[in-house]
PDB file of N, CA and C in Angstrom:
ATOM      1  N   MET A   1      25.439  80.305  15.594  1.00  0.00           N
ATOM      2  CA  MET A   1      24.787  81.425  15.791  1.00  0.00           C
ATOM      3  C   MET A   1      23.500  81.126  16.376  1.00  0.00           C
ATOM      4  N   THR A   2      23.337  81.343  17.635  1.00  0.00           N
ATOM      5  CA  THR A   2      21.918  80.750  17.869  1.00  0.00           C
ATOM      6  C   THR A   2      20.796  82.004  17.798  1.00  0.00           C
ATOM      7  N   THR A   3      19.789  81.553  17.366  1.00  0.00           N
ATOM      8  CA  THR A   3      18.642  82.752  17.207  1.00  0.00           C
ATOM      9  C   THR A   3      17.534  82.514  17.846  1.00  0.00           C
ATOM     10  N   LEU A   4      17.269  83.874  18.813  1.00  0.00           N
ATOM     11  CA  LEU A   4      16.090  83.925  19.906  1.00  0.00           C
ATOM     12  C   LEU A   4      14.662  84.047  18.881  1.00  0.00           C
ATOM     13  N   LYS A   5      14.298  82.978  19.178  1.00  0.00           N
ATOM     14  CA  LYS A   5      12.413  83.162  18.412  1.00  0.00           C
ATOM     15  C   LYS A   5      11.637  83.186  19.367  1.00  0.00           C
ATOM     16  N   LEU A   6      10.640  84.539  19.102  1.00  0.00           N
ATOM     17  CA  LEU A   6       9.817  85.046  19.724  1.00  0.00           C
ATOM     18  C   LEU A   6       8.514  85.180  18.954  1.00  0.00           C
ATOM     19  N   THR A   7       7.322  85.415  19.640  1.00  0.00           N
ATOM     20  CA  THR A   7       5.959  85.794  18.926  1.00  0.00           C
ATOM     21  C   THR A   7       6.139  87.340  18.984  1.00  0.00           C
ATOM     22  N   LYS A   8       5.176  88.021  18.316  1.00  0.00           N
ATOM     23  CA  LYS A   8       5.267  89.296  17.966  1.00  0.00           C
ATOM     24  C   LYS A   8       4.910  89.684  19.291  1.00  0.00           C
ATOM     25  N   ASP A   9       4.251  88.855  20.364  1.00  0.00           N
ATOM     26  CA  ASP A   9       3.250  89.960  21.565  1.00  0.00           C
ATOM     27  C   ASP A   9       4.516  89.638  22.508  1.00  0.00           C
ATOM     28  N   GLN A  10       5.758  88.626  22.658  1.00  0.00           N
ATOM     29  CA  GLN A  10       6.534  88.185  23.615  1.00  0.00           C
ATOM     30  C   GLN A  10       7.438  89.576  23.038  1.00  0.00           C
ATOM     31  N   TRP A  11       7.945  90.102  21.812  1.00  0.00           N
ATOM     32  CA  TRP A  11       8.889  90.620  21.121  1.00  0.00           C
ATOM     33  C   TRP A  11       8.437  91.854  21.976  1.00  0.00           C
ATOM     34  N   HIS A  12       7.094  92.339  21.481  1.00  0.00           N
ATOM     35  CA  HIS A  12       6.517  93.490  22.060  1.00  0.00           C
ATOM     36  C   HIS A  12       6.791  93.719  23.440  1.00  0.00           C
ATOM     37  N   ALA A  13       6.337  92.824  24.154  1.00  0.00           N
ATOM     38  CA  ALA A  13       6.242  92.847  25.446  1.00  0.00           C
ATOM     39  C   ALA A  13       8.054  93.227  26.234  1.00  0.00           C
ATOM     40  N   HIS A  14       8.986  92.795  25.397  1.00  0.00           N
ATOM     41  CA  HIS A  14       9.897  92.802  25.619  1.00  0.00           C
ATOM     42  C   HIS A  14      10.752  94.322  25.648  1.00  0.00           C
ATOM     43  N   GLY A  15      10.294  94.698  24.455  1.00  0.00           N
ATOM     44  CA  GLY A  15      10.703  96.534  23.863  1.00  0.00           C
ATOM     45  C   GLY A  15       9.986  97.212  24.905  1.00  0.00           C
ATOM     46  N   VAL A  16       8.706  96.794  25.764  1.00  0.00           N
ATOM     47  CA  VAL A  16       8.156  97.820  26.279  1.00  0.00           C
ATOM     48  C   VAL A  16       8.864  97.722  28.034  1.00  0.00           C
ATOM     49  N   ALA A  17       9.266  96.378  28.166  1.00  0.00           N
ATOM     50  CA  ALA A  17      10.210  96.480  29.448  1.00  0.00           C
ATOM     51  C   ALA A  17      11.548  97.044  29.474  1.00  0.00           C
ATOM     52  N   LEU A  18      11.782  97.163  28.229  1.00  0.00           N
ATOM     53  CA  LEU A  18      13.088  98.019  28.256  1.00  0.00           C
ATOM     54  C   LEU A  18      12.972  99.489  27.902  1.00  0.00           C
ATOM     55  N   PHE A  19      12.016  99.857  26.938  1.00  0.00           N
ATOM     56  CA  PHE A  19      11.947 100.894  26.762  1.00  0.00           C
ATOM     57  C   PHE A  19      10.909 101.934  27.146  1.00  0.00           C
ATOM     58  N   GLY A  20       9.935 100.934  27.222  1.00  0.00           N
ATOM     59  CA  GLY A  20       8.691 101.886  27.624  1.00  0.00           C
ATOM     60  C   GLY A  20       7.647 102.061  26.381  1.00  0.00           C
ATOM     61  N   ASP A  21       6.733 102.083  26.817  1.00  0.00           N
ATOM     62  CA  ASP A  21       5.263 102.374  25.467  1.00  0.00           C
ATOM     63  C   ASP A  21       5.899 103.004  24.757  1.00  0.00           C
ATOM     64  N   ASP A  22       6.811 104.302  24.386  1.00  0.00           N
ATOM     65  CA  ASP A  22       6.835 104.614  23.077  1.00  0.00           C
ATOM     66  C   ASP A  22       7.644 104.357  22.672  1.00  0.00           C
ATOM     67  N   GLU A  23       7.178 103.574  21.470  1.00  0.00           N
ATOM     68  CA  GLU A  23       8.063 102.590  20.664  1.00  0.00           C
ATOM     69  C   GLU A  23       8.994 103.553  19.504  1.00  0.00           C
ATOM     70  N   LEU A  24       9.035 104.652  19.654  1.00  0.00           N
ATOM     71  CA  LEU A  24       9.765 105.611  19.064  1.00  0.00           C
ATOM     72  C   LEU A  24      11.298 105.924  19.739  1.00  0.00           C
ATOM     73  N   GLN A  25      11.311 105.541  20.663  1.00  0.00           N
ATOM     74  CA  GLN A  25      12.471 105.261  21.574  1.00  0.00           C
ATOM     75  C   GLN A  25      12.850 103.794  22.138  1.00  0.00           C
ATOM     76  N   TRP A  26      12.073 102.967  21.348  1.00  0.00           N
ATOM     77  CA  TRP A  26      12.946 101.749  21.214  1.00  0.00           C
ATOM     78  C   TRP A  26      14.370 101.731  20.316  1.00  0.00           C
ATOM     79  N   ARG A  27      15.183 100.965  20.458  1.00  0.00           N
ATOM     80  CA  ARG A  27      16.226 101.309  19.985  1.00  0.00           C
ATOM     81  C   ARG A  27      17.112  99.532  19.749  1.00  0.00           C
ATOM     82  N   PHE A  28      17.800  99.591  18.663  1.00  0.00           N
ATOM     83  CA  PHE A  28      18.199  98.282  18.487  1.00  0.00           C
ATOM     84  C   PHE A  28      19.476  98.424  17.760  1.00  0.00           C
ATOM     85  N   ILE A  29      20.336  97.074  17.603  1.00  0.00           N
ATOM     86  CA  ILE A  29      21.813  97.303  17.268  1.00  0.00           C
ATOM     87  C   ILE A  29      22.194  96.277  15.890  1.00  0.00           C
ATOM     88  N   CYS A  30      22.500  96.962  15.077  1.00  0.00           N
ATOM     89  CA  CYS A  30      22.722  96.430  13.836  1.00  0.00           C
ATOM     90  C   CYS A  30      23.740  95.153  14.163  1.00  0.00           C
ATOM     91  N   PRO A  31      23.694  93.691  13.951  1.00  0.00           N
ATOM     92  CA  PRO A  31      24.704  92.901  13.897  1.00  0.00           C
ATOM     93  C   PRO A  31      25.780  92.587  13.037  1.00  0.00           C
ATOM     94  N   ALA A  32      25.388  93.488  12.190  1.00  0.00           N
ATOM     95  CA  ALA A  32      27.001  93.401  11.520  1.00  0.00           C
ATOM     96  C   ALA A  32      28.081  94.693  11.448  1.00  0.00           C
ATOM     97  N   CYS A  33      27.439  95.957  12.221  1.00  0.00           N
ATOM     98  CA  CYS A  33      28.445  96.740  12.648  1.00  0.00           C
ATOM     99  C   CYS A  33      27.920  97.128  14.008  1.00  0.00           C
ATOM    100  N   ASN A  34      27.310  96.886  14.884  1.00  0.00           N
ATOM    101  CA  ASN A  34      27.112  97.434  16.096  1.00  0.00           C
ATOM    102  C   ASN A  34      26.877  98.608  16.282  1.00  0.00           C
ATOM    103  N   HIS A  35      25.861  99.173  15.238  1.00  0.00           N
ATOM    104  CA  HIS A  35      25.681 100.735  15.226  1.00  0.00           C
ATOM    105  C   HIS A  35      24.011 100.711  15.692  1.00  0.00           C
ATOM    106  N   VAL A  36      23.546 101.555  16.674  1.00  0.00           N
ATOM    107  CA  VAL A  36      22.559 101.642  17.591  1.00  0.00           C
ATOM    108  C   VAL A  36      21.722 102.842  16.871  1.00  0.00           C
ATOM    109  N   ALA A  37      20.526 102.592  16.914  1.00  0.00           N
ATOM    110  CA  ALA A  37      19.743 103.333  16.514  1.00  0.00           C
ATOM    111  C   ALA A  37      18.290 103.136  16.921  1.00  0.00           C
ATOM    112  N   SER A  38      17.322 104.079  17.324  1.00  0.00           N
ATOM    113  CA  SER A  38      16.185 104.217  17.810  1.00  0.00           C
ATOM    114  C   SER A  38      15.411 104.142  16.479  1.00  0.00           C
ATOM    115  N   VAL A  39      13.742 103.775  16.657  1.00  0.00           N
ATOM    116  CA  VAL A  39      12.886 103.996  15.497  1.00  0.00           C
ATOM    117  C   VAL A  39      12.564 105.658  15.473  1.00  0.00           C
ATOM    118  N   GLN A  40      12.786 106.483  16.209  1.00  0.00           N
ATOM    119  CA  GLN A  40      12.877 107.898  15.934  1.00  0.00           C
ATOM    120  C   GLN A  40      14.199 108.511  14.974  1.00  0.00           C
ATOM    121  N   ASP A  41      15.089 107.336  15.307  1.00  0.00           N
ATOM    122  CA  ASP A  41      16.697 107.846  14.162  1.00  0.00           C
ATOM    123  C   ASP A  41      15.926 107.125  12.920  1.00  0.00           C
ATOM    124  N   TYR A  42      15.554 106.069  12.821  1.00  0.00           N
ATOM    125  CA  TYR A  42      14.900 105.821  11.507  1.00  0.00           C
ATOM    126  C   TYR A  42      13.920 106.825  10.529  1.00  0.00           C
ATOM    127  N   LYS A  43      12.977 107.069  11.752  1.00  0.00           N
ATOM    128  CA  LYS A  43      12.087 107.993  11.101  1.00  0.00           C
ATOM    129  C   LYS A  43      12.565 109.007  10.266  1.00  0.00           C
ATOM    130  N   ASP A  44      13.699 109.704  11.027  1.00  0.00           N
ATOM    131  CA  ASP A  44      14.029 110.539  10.690  1.00  0.00           C
ATOM    132  C   ASP A  44      15.229 110.843   9.738  1.00  0.00           C
ATOM    133  N   ALA A  45      15.679 109.505   9.250  1.00  0.00           N
ATOM    134  CA  ALA A  45      16.432 109.016   7.983  1.00  0.00           C
ATOM    135  C   ALA A  45      15.535 108.674   7.051  1.00  0.00           C
ATOM    136  N   GLY A  46      14.291 108.716   6.993  1.00  0.00           N
ATOM    137  CA  GLY A  46      12.865 108.368   6.104  1.00  0.00           C
ATOM    138  C   GLY A  46      13.199 107.084   5.701  1.00  0.00           C
ATOM    139  N   ALA A  47      12.912 105.935   6.553  1.00  0.00           N
ATOM    140  CA  ALA A  47      12.961 104.947   6.384  1.00  0.00           C
ATOM    141  C   ALA A  47      11.623 104.502   6.590  1.00  0.00           C
ATOM    142  N   THR A  48      11.179 103.164   5.814  1.00  0.00           N
ATOM    143  CA  THR A  48       9.883 102.878   6.225  1.00  0.00           C
ATOM    144  C   THR A  48       9.929 102.006   7.342  1.00  0.00           C
ATOM    145  N   VAL A  49       8.547 101.684   7.949  1.00  0.00           N
ATOM    146  CA  VAL A  49       8.372 101.371   9.200  1.00  0.00           C
ATOM    147  C   VAL A  49       8.878  99.802   8.644  1.00  0.00           C
ATOM    148  N   GLY A  50       8.837  99.109   7.831  1.00  0.00           N
ATOM    149  CA  GLY A  50       9.182  97.628   7.296  1.00  0.00           C
ATOM    150  C   GLY A  50      10.836  97.568   7.686  1.00  0.00           C
ATOM    151  N   ALA A  51      11.160  98.826   7.412  1.00  0.00           N
ATOM    152  CA  ALA A  51      12.963  98.671   7.631  1.00  0.00           C
ATOM    153  C   ALA A  51      13.649  98.821   9.082  1.00  0.00           C
ATOM    154  N   VAL A  52      12.629  99.199   9.759  1.00  0.00           N
ATOM    155  CA  VAL A  52      13.165  99.049  11.035  1.00  0.00           C
ATOM    156  C   VAL A  52      13.654  97.974  11.733  1.00  0.00           C
ATOM    157  N   ALA A  53      14.889  97.825  12.551  1.00  0.00           N
ATOM    158  CA  ALA A  53      15.517  97.001  12.942  1.00  0.00           C
ATOM    159  C   ALA A  53      15.819  95.584  11.998  1.00  0.00           C
ATOM    160  N   VAL A  54      15.665  95.638  10.701  1.00  0.00           N
ATOM    161  CA  VAL A  54      15.629  94.678   9.811  1.00  0.00           C
ATOM    162  C   VAL A  54      16.861  95.395   8.876  1.00  0.00           C
ATOM    163  N   VAL A  55      16.892  96.583   8.723  1.00  0.00           N
ATOM    164  CA  VAL A  55      17.776  97.102   7.452  1.00  0.00           C
ATOM    165  C   VAL A  55      18.841  98.187   8.446  1.00  0.00           C
ATOM    166  N   CYS A  56      19.940  98.201   8.276  1.00  0.00           N
ATOM    167  CA  CYS A  56      20.968  99.022   9.165  1.00  0.00           C
ATOM    168  C   CYS A  56      20.641 100.340   8.420  1.00  0.00           C
ATOM    169  N   ILE A  57      20.424 101.335   9.510  1.00  0.00           N
ATOM    170  CA  ILE A  57      20.190 102.952   9.207  1.00  0.00           C
ATOM    171  C   ILE A  57      20.896 103.200   8.349  1.00  0.00           C
ATOM    172  N   GLY A  58      22.167 102.758   8.050  1.00  0.00           N
ATOM    173  CA  GLY A  58      23.458 103.151   7.164  1.00  0.00           C
ATOM    174  C   GLY A  58      22.470 103.183   5.770  1.00  0.00           C
ATOM    175  N   ARG A  59      21.879 102.643   5.263  1.00  0.00           N
ATOM    176  CA  ARG A  59      21.307 102.384   3.867  1.00  0.00           C
ATOM    177  C   ARG A  59      20.648 103.760   3.631  1.00  0.00           C
ATOM    178  N   PHE A  60      20.155 104.288   4.708  1.00  0.00           N
ATOM    179  CA  PHE A  60      19.108 105.431   4.690  1.00  0.00           C
ATOM    180  C   PHE A  60      19.975 106.632   4.764  1.00  0.00           C
ATOM    181  N   MET A  61      21.210 106.610   4.650  1.00  0.00           N
ATOM    182  CA  MET A  61      22.578 107.730   4.968  1.00  0.00           C
ATOM    183  C   MET A  61      23.577 107.938   3.677  1.00  0.00           C
ATOM    184  N   ASP A  62      24.093 108.874   3.172  1.00  0.00           N
ATOM    185  CA  ASP A  62      25.206 109.246   2.685  1.00  0.00           C
ATOM    186  C   ASP A  62      26.172 108.244   2.925  1.00  0.00           C
ATOM    187  N   ARG A  63      26.587 107.539   1.929  1.00  0.00           N
ATOM    188  CA  ARG A  63      27.717 106.917   1.872  1.00  0.00           C
ATOM    189  C   ARG A  63      27.957 105.973   3.360  1.00  0.00           C
ATOM    190  N   PRO A  64      27.181 105.110   3.590  1.00  0.00           N
ATOM    191  CA  PRO A  64      27.499 104.313   4.671  1.00  0.00           C
ATOM    192  C   PRO A  64      28.875 102.801   4.275  1.00  0.00           C
ATOM    193  N   ARG A  65      29.020 102.695   5.275  1.00  0.00           N
ATOM    194  CA  ARG A  65      30.515 101.697   5.134  1.00  0.00           C
ATOM    195  C   ARG A  65      29.615 100.175   4.636  1.00  0.00           C
ATOM    196  N   GLU A  66      30.465  99.513   3.860  1.00  0.00           N
ATOM    197  CA  GLU A  66      29.958  98.150   3.711  1.00  0.00           C
ATOM    198  C   GLU A  66      29.790  97.222   5.046  1.00  0.00           C
ATOM    199  N   ALA A  67      28.859  96.508   4.969  1.00  0.00           N
ATOM    200  CA  ALA A  67      28.587  95.529   6.269  1.00  0.00           C
ATOM    201  C   ALA A  67      29.994  94.762   6.077  1.00  0.00           C
ATOM    202  N   PHE A  68      30.057  94.341   6.893  1.00  0.00           N
ATOM    203  CA  PHE A  68      31.371  93.316   7.767  1.00  0.00           C
ATOM    204  C   PHE A  68      32.964  94.266   7.380  1.00  0.00           C
ATOM    205  N   ALA A  69      32.555  95.525   6.920  1.00  0.00           N
ATOM    206  CA  ALA A  69      33.999  96.143   6.549  1.00  0.00           C
ATOM    207  C   ALA A  69      34.108  96.599   7.740  1.00  0.00           C
ATOM    208  N   ALA A  70      35.653  96.878   8.120  1.00  0.00           N
ATOM    209  CA  ALA A  70      36.283  97.725   9.384  1.00  0.00           C
ATOM    210  C   ALA A  70      36.027  99.164   9.081  1.00  0.00           C
ATOM    211  N   GLY A  71      35.738  99.642  10.399  1.00  0.00           N
ATOM    212  CA  GLY A  71      35.241 101.185  10.060  1.00  0.00           C
ATOM    213  C   GLY A  71      34.572 101.788  11.265  1.00  0.00           C
ATOM    214  N   ALA A  72      33.928 102.456  11.360  1.00  0.00           N
ATOM    215  CA  ALA A  72      32.837 103.497  12.188  1.00  0.00           C
ATOM    216  C   ALA A  72      31.766 103.846  11.480  1.00  0.00           C
ATOM    217  N   GLY A  73      30.774 103.893  11.975  1.00  0.00           N
ATOM    218  CA  GLY A  73      29.372 104.150  11.760  1.00  0.00           C
ATOM    219  C   GLY A  73      28.540 103.132  11.254  1.00  0.00           C
ATOM    220  N   PRO A  74      27.584 103.654  10.701  1.00  0.00           N
ATOM    221  CA  PRO A  74      26.541 102.359  10.279  1.00  0.00           C
ATOM    222  C   PRO A  74      27.095 102.191   9.006  1.00  0.00           C
ATOM    223  N   CYS A  75      26.386 100.838   8.863  1.00  0.00           N
ATOM    224  CA  CYS A  75      26.853 100.289   6.961  1.00  0.00           C
ATOM    225  C   CYS A  75      25.379  99.996   6.504  1.00  0.00           C
ATOM    226  N   ASN A  76      25.555  99.546   5.382  1.00  0.00           N
ATOM    227  CA  ASN A  76      24.661  98.975   4.454  1.00  0.00           C
ATOM    228  C   ASN A  76      23.581  97.580   4.443  1.00  0.00           C
ATOM    229  N   TYR A  77      24.294  97.155   5.903  1.00  0.00           N
ATOM    230  CA  TYR A  77      23.501  95.568   5.971  1.00  0.00           C
ATOM    231  C   TYR A  77      22.394  95.556   5.974  1.00  0.00           C
ATOM    232  N   THR A  78      21.367  94.447   5.311  1.00  0.00           N
ATOM    233  CA  THR A  78      20.172  93.870   5.161  1.00  0.00           C
ATOM    234  C   THR A  78      20.009  92.536   6.098  1.00  0.00           C
ATOM    235  N   GLY A  79      19.390  92.539   6.752  1.00  0.00           N
ATOM    236  CA  GLY A  79      18.724  91.243   7.441  1.00  0.00           C
ATOM    237  C   GLY A  79      17.837  90.392   6.549  1.00  0.00           C
ATOM    238  N   MET A  80      17.505  90.921   5.370  1.00  0.00           N
ATOM    239  CA  MET A  80      16.516  90.245   4.677  1.00  0.00           C
ATOM    240  C   MET A  80      17.752  90.129   3.257  1.00  0.00           C
ATOM    241  N   GLY A  81      19.319  89.911   3.307  1.00  0.00           N
ATOM    242  CA  GLY A  81      19.782  89.709   2.224  1.00  0.00           C
ATOM    243  C   GLY A  81      20.276  88.185   2.144  1.00  0.00           C
ATOM    244  N   LEU A  82      21.221  88.199   1.115  1.00  0.00           N
ATOM    245  CA  LEU A  82      21.691  86.661   1.379  1.00  0.00           C
ATOM    246  C   LEU A  82      22.408  85.872   2.798  1.00  0.00           C
ATOM    247  N   ILE A  83      23.156  86.938   3.072  1.00  0.00           N
ATOM    248  CA  ILE A  83      23.350  86.627   4.573  1.00  0.00           C
ATOM    249  C   ILE A  83      22.578  87.223   5.885  1.00  0.00           C
ATOM    250  N   CYS A  84      22.041  86.395   6.726  1.00  0.00           N
ATOM    251  CA  CYS A  84      21.591  86.852   7.682  1.00  0.00           C
ATOM    252  C   CYS A  84      21.894  86.550   9.093  1.00  0.00           C
ATOM    253  N   ILE A  85      22.520  87.358   9.927  1.00  0.00           N
ATOM    254  CA  ILE A  85      22.902  87.239  11.159  1.00  0.00           C
ATOM    255  C   ILE A  85      22.224  87.785  11.971  1.00  0.00           C
ATOM    256  N   SER A  86      20.957  88.119  11.784  1.00  0.00           N
ATOM    257  CA  SER A  86      20.227  88.924  12.374  1.00  0.00           C
ATOM    258  C   SER A  86      20.095  88.016  13.830  1.00  0.00           C
ATOM    259  N   PRO A  87      20.523  88.177  15.070  1.00  0.00           N
ATOM    260  CA  PRO A  87      19.759  87.116  15.878  1.00  0.00           C
ATOM    261  C   PRO A  87      18.096  87.025  16.633  1.00  0.00           C
ATOM    262  N   VAL A  88      17.510  87.571  16.016  1.00  0.00           N
ATOM    263  CA  VAL A  88      16.227  87.440  16.815  1.00  0.00           C
ATOM    264  C   VAL A  88      15.578  87.104  15.699  1.00  0.00           C
ATOM    265  N   GLN A  89      14.659  86.100  15.579  1.00  0.00           N
ATOM    266  CA  GLN A  89      13.406  85.802  14.607  1.00  0.00           C
ATOM    267  C   GLN A  89      11.859  86.165  15.526  1.00  0.00           C
ATOM    268  N   VAL A  90      10.951  87.286  14.701  1.00  0.00           N
ATOM    269  CA  VAL A  90       9.544  87.300  15.240  1.00  0.00           C
ATOM    270  C   VAL A  90       8.940  86.801  14.318  1.00  0.00           C
ATOM    271  N   ASP A  91       7.948  85.827  14.868  1.00  0.00           N
ATOM    272  CA  ASP A  91       6.978  85.302  14.039  1.00  0.00           C
ATOM    273  C   ASP A  91       7.809  84.417  12.516  1.00  0.00           C
ATOM    274  N   GLY A  92       9.192  84.326  12.892  1.00  0.00           N
ATOM    275  CA  GLY A  92       9.661  84.078  11.497  1.00  0.00           C
ATOM    276  C   GLY A  92      10.565  84.964  10.915  1.00  0.00           C
ATOM    277  N   LEU A  93      10.502  86.300  10.972  1.00  0.00           N
ATOM    278  CA  LEU A  93      10.977  87.374  10.427  1.00  0.00           C
ATOM    279  C   LEU A  93      12.411  87.287  11.327  1.00  0.00           C
ATOM    280  N   PRO A  94      13.587  87.807  10.349  1.00  0.00           N
ATOM    281  CA  PRO A  94      14.576  88.138  11.130  1.00  0.00           C
ATOM    282  C   PRO A  94      14.525  89.409  11.636  1.00  0.00           C
ATOM    283  N   VAL A  95      15.358  89.758  12.658  1.00  0.00           N
ATOM    284  CA  VAL A  95      15.655  91.421  13.288  1.00  0.00           C
ATOM    285  C   VAL A  95      16.394  91.362  13.523  1.00  0.00           C
ATOM    286  N   PHE A  96      16.939  92.991  14.361  1.00  0.00           N
ATOM    287  CA  PHE A  96      18.199  92.854  14.988  1.00  0.00           C
ATOM    288  C   PHE A  96      17.885  92.885  16.370  1.00  0.00           C
ATOM    289  N   GLY A  97      18.654  92.956  17.198  1.00  0.00           N
ATOM    290  CA  GLY A  97      18.368  92.677  18.517  1.00  0.00           C
ATOM    291  C   GLY A  97      17.913  94.046  19.479  1.00  0.00           C
ATOM    292  N   PHE A  98      17.341  94.214  20.402  1.00  0.00           N
ATOM    293  CA  PHE A  98      17.367  95.435  21.035  1.00  0.00           C
ATOM    294  C   PHE A  98      18.953  95.780  21.607  1.00  0.00           C
ATOM    295  N   ALA A  99      18.804  97.334  21.617  1.00  0.00           N
ATOM    296  CA  ALA A  99      20.008  97.714  22.392  1.00  0.00           C
ATOM    297  C   ALA A  99      19.806  97.604  23.694  1.00  0.00           C
ATOM    298  N   GLN A 100      21.062  97.882  24.623  1.00  0.00           N
ATOM    299  CA  GLN A 100      20.701  97.781  25.845  1.00  0.00           C
ATOM    300  C   GLN A 100      20.222  99.373  26.386  1.00  0.00           C
ATOM    301  N   LYS A 101      19.482  98.891  27.452  1.00  0.00           N
ATOM    302  CA  LYS A 101      18.995 100.489  27.767  1.00  0.00           C
ATOM    303  C   LYS A 101      20.173 101.286  28.417  1.00  0.00           C
ATOM    304  N   GLU A 102      19.890 102.681  27.788  1.00  0.00           N
ATOM    305  CA  GLU A 102      21.095 103.538  28.566  1.00  0.00           C
ATOM    306  C   GLU A 102      20.897 103.953  29.822  1.00  0.00           C
ATOM    307  N   ALA A 103      21.659 104.353  30.586  1.00  0.00           N
ATOM    308  CA  ALA A 103      21.755 104.421  32.082  1.00  0.00           C
ATOM    309  C   ALA A 103      20.686 105.504  32.667  1.00  0.00           C
ATOM    310  N   ASN A 104      20.565 106.811  31.645  1.00  0.00           N
ATOM    311  CA  ASN A 104      19.972 107.906  32.086  1.00  0.00           C
ATOM    312  C   ASN A 104      18.536 107.320  31.672  1.00  0.00           C
ATOM    313  N   THR A 105      17.937 106.093  31.034  1.00  0.00           N
ATOM    314  CA  THR A 105      16.691 106.495  30.721  1.00  0.00           C
ATOM    315  C   THR A 105      15.889 105.936  31.541  1.00  0.00           C
TER     316      THR A 105
END
């Protein structure tokens, strides 16, 4: 697996280019279940800032599915666990990749 290595400034510039200056609208994709969640979604779910793009939002929901298990919906994956498949490193820390920008945004 290839990991994209970025500085915080490079990563931030990429987020702004994709989604604009409002970081609450930035969207990330879980590498285990492919669920897409915005920073606002994490905030609404009660997640801490440090969990955004590092932990699947499913960890903050009732009954998430197991990471790597078949099914739909968010899972309980964390990039800081034993198995790290996060595709990006920002200043050495594993994070989820940005989701694709929606056509209507």
